Amino acid sequence: MKLHELKAPASNKKTRKRVGRGQGSGLGEQSGRGHNGQKSRSGSKLKPWFEGGQMPLQRRLPKFGFKNRFRTEYSPLNVQTVADFIEAGKLKEEISFSDLVASGLIDNKSRVKLLGDGEIDANVSIEVHACSKSAKEKVEKAGGSVTIISN
């Protein structure tokens, strides 16, 4: 094969659209822009959110409240869930953060807050990032202890 024998691929032979070259071309008169209106004029560059002068959606919707970007999110862990997992044999009486992750209750990137929903009879010592008053009372009433992890 020589250089003069090369051929361009079929997809490369498409001719460009020549607008405004008379009615016979099919793209004369309005040059494919339709009839009157802002989009038919030269220099027309409308933003996708522009609504033709109507009050834009982002200004029509009510805005209220405050979202704190620096809020610390906690994964909830109820006392009843801990009791159920101990009964099932998935957790022991000494529960560390890594034990909670291994049992599948939480993932290792989340912070855990122990909540007081349910009852617990087992004497457990548990490590969590935060704890509600009622949960702490229930665990201590059963003879256990709650350790707060700081990080």
C-alpha atoms as a PDB file:
ATOM      1  CA  MET A   1       0.000   0.000   0.000  1.00  0.00           C
ATOM      2  CA  LYS A   2       1.281   3.380  -0.980  1.00  0.00           C
ATOM      3  CA  LEU A   3       0.434   6.833   0.240  1.00  0.00           C
ATOM      4  CA  HIS A   4      -1.564   7.722  -2.892  1.00  0.00           C
ATOM      5  CA  GLU A   5      -3.715   4.586  -2.471  1.00  0.00           C
ATOM      6  CA  LEU A   6      -5.091   5.577   0.945  1.00  0.00           C
ATOM      7  CA  LYS A   7      -8.815   6.395   1.140  1.00  0.00           C
ATOM      8  CA  ALA A   8     -10.675   8.336   3.793  1.00  0.00           C
ATOM      9  CA  PRO A   9     -13.230   6.321   5.796  1.00  0.00           C
ATOM     10  CA  ALA A  10     -16.897   6.717   4.793  1.00  0.00           C
ATOM     11  CA  SER A  11     -17.756   8.545   8.035  1.00  0.00           C
ATOM     12  CA  ASN A  12     -15.198  11.225   7.152  1.00  0.00           C
ATOM     13  CA  LYS A  13     -16.884  12.203   3.878  1.00  0.00           C
ATOM     14  CA  LYS A  14     -19.884  14.029   5.348  1.00  0.00           C
ATOM     15  CA  THR A  15     -20.195  17.544   3.940  1.00  0.00           C
ATOM     16  CA  ARG A  16     -20.724  20.425   6.333  1.00  0.00           C
ATOM     17  CA  LYS A  17     -24.071  22.227   6.583  1.00  0.00           C
ATOM     18  CA  ARG A  18     -23.926  25.388   4.431  1.00  0.00           C
ATOM     19  CA  VAL A  19     -26.700  27.670   5.684  1.00  0.00           C
ATOM     20  CA  GLY A  20     -28.033  30.813   4.064  1.00  0.00           C
ATOM     21  CA  ARG A  21     -27.199  29.772   0.485  1.00  0.00           C
ATOM     22  CA  GLY A  22     -30.662  30.095  -1.083  1.00  0.00           C
ATOM     23  CA  GLN A  23     -33.952  28.233  -0.900  1.00  0.00           C
ATOM     24  CA  GLY A  24     -32.802  25.394  -3.135  1.00  0.00           C
ATOM     25  CA  SER A  25     -30.350  24.226  -0.489  1.00  0.00           C
ATOM     26  CA  GLY A  26     -33.164  23.661   2.036  1.00  0.00           C
ATOM     27  CA  LEU A  27     -31.357  25.927   4.498  1.00  0.00           C
ATOM     28  CA  GLY A  28     -32.019  29.336   2.966  1.00  0.00           C
ATOM     29  CA  GLU A  29     -34.128  32.234   4.236  1.00  0.00           C
ATOM     30  CA  GLN A  30     -34.125  31.473   8.033  1.00  0.00           C
ATOM     31  CA  SER A  31     -31.058  29.225   7.804  1.00  0.00           C
ATOM     32  CA  GLY A  32     -32.475  26.416   9.939  1.00  0.00           C
ATOM     33  CA  ARG A  33     -33.309  28.714  12.867  1.00  0.00           C
ATOM     34  CA  GLY A  34     -37.101  28.616  12.509  1.00  0.00           C
ATOM     35  CA  HIS A  35     -39.182  31.784  12.547  1.00  0.00           C
ATOM     36  CA  ASN A  36     -38.921  34.885  14.750  1.00  0.00           C
ATOM     37  CA  GLY A  37     -37.842  34.829  18.356  1.00  0.00           C
ATOM     38  CA  GLN A  38     -34.813  35.263  20.543  1.00  0.00           C
ATOM     39  CA  LYS A  39     -33.159  32.046  19.392  1.00  0.00           C
ATOM     40  CA  SER A  40     -33.394  33.075  15.751  1.00  0.00           C
ATOM     41  CA  ARG A  41     -31.348  36.241  16.314  1.00  0.00           C
ATOM     42  CA  SER A  42     -27.589  36.470  16.167  1.00  0.00           C
ATOM     43  CA  GLY A  43     -25.795  36.587  19.487  1.00  0.00           C
ATOM     44  CA  SER A  44     -28.407  34.370  21.129  1.00  0.00           C
ATOM     45  CA  LYS A  45     -26.854  32.486  24.025  1.00  0.00           C
ATOM     46  CA  LEU A  46     -29.524  31.478  26.531  1.00  0.00           C
ATOM     47  CA  LYS A  47     -28.546  29.827  29.777  1.00  0.00           C
ATOM     48  CA  PRO A  48     -30.260  26.459  30.388  1.00  0.00           C
ATOM     49  CA  TRP A  49     -32.016  27.843  33.496  1.00  0.00           C
ATOM     50  CA  PHE A  50     -33.372  30.962  31.748  1.00  0.00           C
ATOM     51  CA  GLU A  51     -37.192  30.896  31.632  1.00  0.00           C
ATOM     52  CA  GLY A  52     -37.897  33.761  29.255  1.00  0.00           C
ATOM     53  CA  GLY A  53     -38.169  36.450  31.924  1.00  0.00           C
ATOM     54  CA  GLN A  54     -40.493  34.367  34.119  1.00  0.00           C
ATOM     55  CA  MET A  55     -39.460  34.221  37.769  1.00  0.00           C
ATOM     56  CA  PRO A  56     -36.828  31.461  37.812  1.00  0.00           C
ATOM     57  CA  LEU A  57     -37.437  28.226  39.707  1.00  0.00           C
ATOM     58  CA  GLN A  58     -34.585  28.800  42.156  1.00  0.00           C
ATOM     59  CA  ARG A  59     -36.167  32.118  43.140  1.00  0.00           C
ATOM     60  CA  ARG A  60     -39.752  30.802  43.248  1.00  0.00           C
ATOM     61  CA  LEU A  61     -39.032  28.088  45.813  1.00  0.00           C
ATOM     62  CA  PRO A  62     -39.101  29.024  49.494  1.00  0.00           C
ATOM     63  CA  LYS A  63     -35.846  28.927  51.365  1.00  0.00           C
ATOM     64  CA  PHE A  64     -35.646  28.335  55.089  1.00  0.00           C
ATOM     65  CA  GLY A  65     -33.550  26.593  57.692  1.00  0.00           C
ATOM     66  CA  PHE A  66     -29.853  26.048  58.007  1.00  0.00           C
ATOM     67  CA  LYS A  67     -27.690  23.063  57.009  1.00  0.00           C
ATOM     68  CA  ASN A  68     -24.528  22.796  59.052  1.00  0.00           C
ATOM     69  CA  ARG A  69     -21.751  21.500  56.779  1.00  0.00           C
ATOM     70  CA  PHE A  70     -19.615  20.558  59.770  1.00  0.00           C
ATOM     71  CA  ARG A  71     -22.246  18.474  61.578  1.00  0.00           C
ATOM     72  CA  THR A  72     -21.032  15.115  62.890  1.00  0.00           C
ATOM     73  CA  GLU A  73     -23.284  12.290  61.719  1.00  0.00           C
ATOM     74  CA  TYR A  74     -23.753   9.285  63.992  1.00  0.00           C
ATOM     75  CA  SER A  75     -24.964   5.781  63.144  1.00  0.00           C
ATOM     76  CA  PRO A  76     -27.678   4.869  65.653  1.00  0.00           C
ATOM     77  CA  LEU A  77     -27.248   1.709  67.725  1.00  0.00           C
ATOM     78  CA  ASN A  78     -30.069   0.736  70.072  1.00  0.00           C
ATOM     79  CA  VAL A  79     -29.553  -1.081  73.355  1.00  0.00           C
ATOM     80  CA  GLN A  80     -32.087  -3.712  72.202  1.00  0.00           C
ATOM     81  CA  THR A  81     -29.992  -4.474  69.087  1.00  0.00           C
ATOM     82  CA  VAL A  82     -26.901  -5.004  71.239  1.00  0.00           C
ATOM     83  CA  ALA A  83     -28.907  -7.343  73.515  1.00  0.00           C
ATOM     84  CA  ASP A  84     -30.201  -9.306  70.516  1.00  0.00           C
ATOM     85  CA  PHE A  85     -26.701  -9.715  69.077  1.00  0.00           C
ATOM     86  CA  ILE A  86     -25.364 -10.907  72.454  1.00  0.00           C
ATOM     87  CA  GLU A  87     -28.190 -13.484  72.700  1.00  0.00           C
ATOM     88  CA  ALA A  88     -27.452 -14.667  69.151  1.00  0.00           C
ATOM     89  CA  GLY A  89     -23.771 -15.097  70.072  1.00  0.00           C
ATOM     90  CA  LYS A  90     -22.517 -12.499  67.576  1.00  0.00           C
ATOM     91  CA  LEU A  91     -21.178 -10.224  70.334  1.00  0.00           C
ATOM     92  CA  LYS A  92     -19.465 -10.898  73.676  1.00  0.00           C
ATOM     93  CA  GLU A  93     -19.759  -8.940  76.945  1.00  0.00           C
ATOM     94  CA  GLU A  94     -16.648  -6.864  76.102  1.00  0.00           C
ATOM     95  CA  ILE A  95     -17.708  -4.895  73.000  1.00  0.00           C
ATOM     96  CA  SER A  96     -15.151  -2.697  71.256  1.00  0.00           C
ATOM     97  CA  PHE A  97     -15.682  -0.567  68.142  1.00  0.00           C
ATOM     98  CA  SER A  98     -13.948  -3.207  65.989  1.00  0.00           C
ATOM     99  CA  ASP A  99     -16.350  -5.870  67.350  1.00  0.00           C
ATOM    100  CA  LEU A 100     -19.319  -3.775  66.201  1.00  0.00           C
ATOM    101  CA  VAL A 101     -17.774  -3.462  62.739  1.00  0.00           C
ATOM    102  CA  ALA A 102     -16.995  -7.211  62.575  1.00  0.00           C
ATOM    103  CA  SER A 103     -20.559  -8.122  63.562  1.00  0.00           C
ATOM    104  CA  GLY A 104     -21.927  -5.980  60.679  1.00  0.00           C
ATOM    105  CA  LEU A 105     -23.861  -3.519  62.850  1.00  0.00           C
ATOM    106  CA  ILE A 106     -21.928  -0.533  61.501  1.00  0.00           C
ATOM    107  CA  ASP A 107     -19.224   0.278  58.959  1.00  0.00           C
ATOM    108  CA  ASN A 108     -15.763   1.304  60.111  1.00  0.00           C
ATOM    109  CA  LYS A 109     -15.988   4.882  58.755  1.00  0.00           C
ATOM    110  CA  SER A 110     -19.048   5.859  60.779  1.00  0.00           C
ATOM    111  CA  ARG A 111     -19.335   7.146  64.318  1.00  0.00           C
ATOM    112  CA  VAL A 112     -21.702   5.290  66.638  1.00  0.00           C
ATOM    113  CA  LYS A 113     -24.230   6.655  69.108  1.00  0.00           C
ATOM    114  CA  LEU A 114     -25.775   4.256  71.605  1.00  0.00           C
ATOM    115  CA  LEU A 115     -29.496   4.953  72.019  1.00  0.00           C
ATOM    116  CA  GLY A 116     -31.815   3.750  74.783  1.00  0.00           C
ATOM    117  CA  ASP A 117     -34.547   2.010  72.769  1.00  0.00           C
ATOM    118  CA  GLY A 118     -35.315  -1.432  74.247  1.00  0.00           C
ATOM    119  CA  GLU A 119     -34.020  -3.341  77.275  1.00  0.00           C
ATOM    120  CA  ILE A 120     -30.719  -5.047  78.127  1.00  0.00           C
ATOM    121  CA  ASP A 121     -29.989  -7.604  80.860  1.00  0.00           C
ATOM    122  CA  ALA A 122     -26.401  -8.558  80.009  1.00  0.00           C
ATOM    123  CA  ASN A 123     -23.455  -7.116  81.905  1.00  0.00           C
ATOM    124  CA  VAL A 124     -21.642  -5.427  78.974  1.00  0.00           C
ATOM    125  CA  SER A 125     -18.895  -2.889  78.584  1.00  0.00           C
ATOM    126  CA  ILE A 126     -19.217  -1.133  75.241  1.00  0.00           C
ATOM    127  CA  GLU A 127     -17.119   1.440  73.340  1.00  0.00           C
ATOM    128  CA  VAL A 128     -19.048   4.062  71.335  1.00  0.00           C
ATOM    129  CA  HIS A 129     -18.481   7.626  70.110  1.00  0.00           C
ATOM    130  CA  ALA A 130     -21.584   9.034  71.844  1.00  0.00           C
ATOM    131  CA  CYS A 131     -24.323   7.810  74.148  1.00  0.00           C
ATOM    132  CA  SER A 132     -27.759   9.000  75.242  1.00  0.00           C
ATOM    133  CA  LYS A 133     -28.597   9.361  78.937  1.00  0.00           C
ATOM    134  CA  SER A 134     -31.252   6.644  78.855  1.00  0.00           C
ATOM    135  CA  ALA A 135     -28.905   4.172  77.125  1.00  0.00           C
ATOM    136  CA  LYS A 136     -26.163   4.821  79.681  1.00  0.00           C
ATOM    137  CA  GLU A 137     -28.625   4.341  82.546  1.00  0.00           C
ATOM    138  CA  LYS A 138     -29.913   1.034  81.111  1.00  0.00           C
ATOM    139  CA  VAL A 139     -26.428  -0.386  80.546  1.00  0.00           C
ATOM    140  CA  GLU A 140     -25.232   0.691  84.020  1.00  0.00           C
ATOM    141  CA  LYS A 141     -28.438  -0.638  85.617  1.00  0.00           C
ATOM    142  CA  ALA A 142     -27.642  -4.055  84.096  1.00  0.00           C
ATOM    143  CA  GLY A 143     -24.149  -3.855  85.644  1.00  0.00           C
ATOM    144  CA  GLY A 144     -22.241  -2.762  82.536  1.00  0.00           C
ATOM    145  CA  SER A 145     -20.312   0.319  81.501  1.00  0.00           C
ATOM    146  CA  VAL A 146     -20.142   2.675  78.521  1.00  0.00           C
ATOM    147  CA  THR A 147     -16.797   4.035  77.296  1.00  0.00           C
ATOM    148  CA  ILE A 148     -16.757   7.084  75.032  1.00  0.00           C
ATOM    149  CA  ILE A 149     -14.205   6.966  72.201  1.00  0.00           C
ATOM    150  CA  SER A 150     -12.685  10.374  71.487  1.00  0.00           C
ATOM    151  CA  ASN A 151     -11.948  11.067  67.788  1.00  0.00           C
END
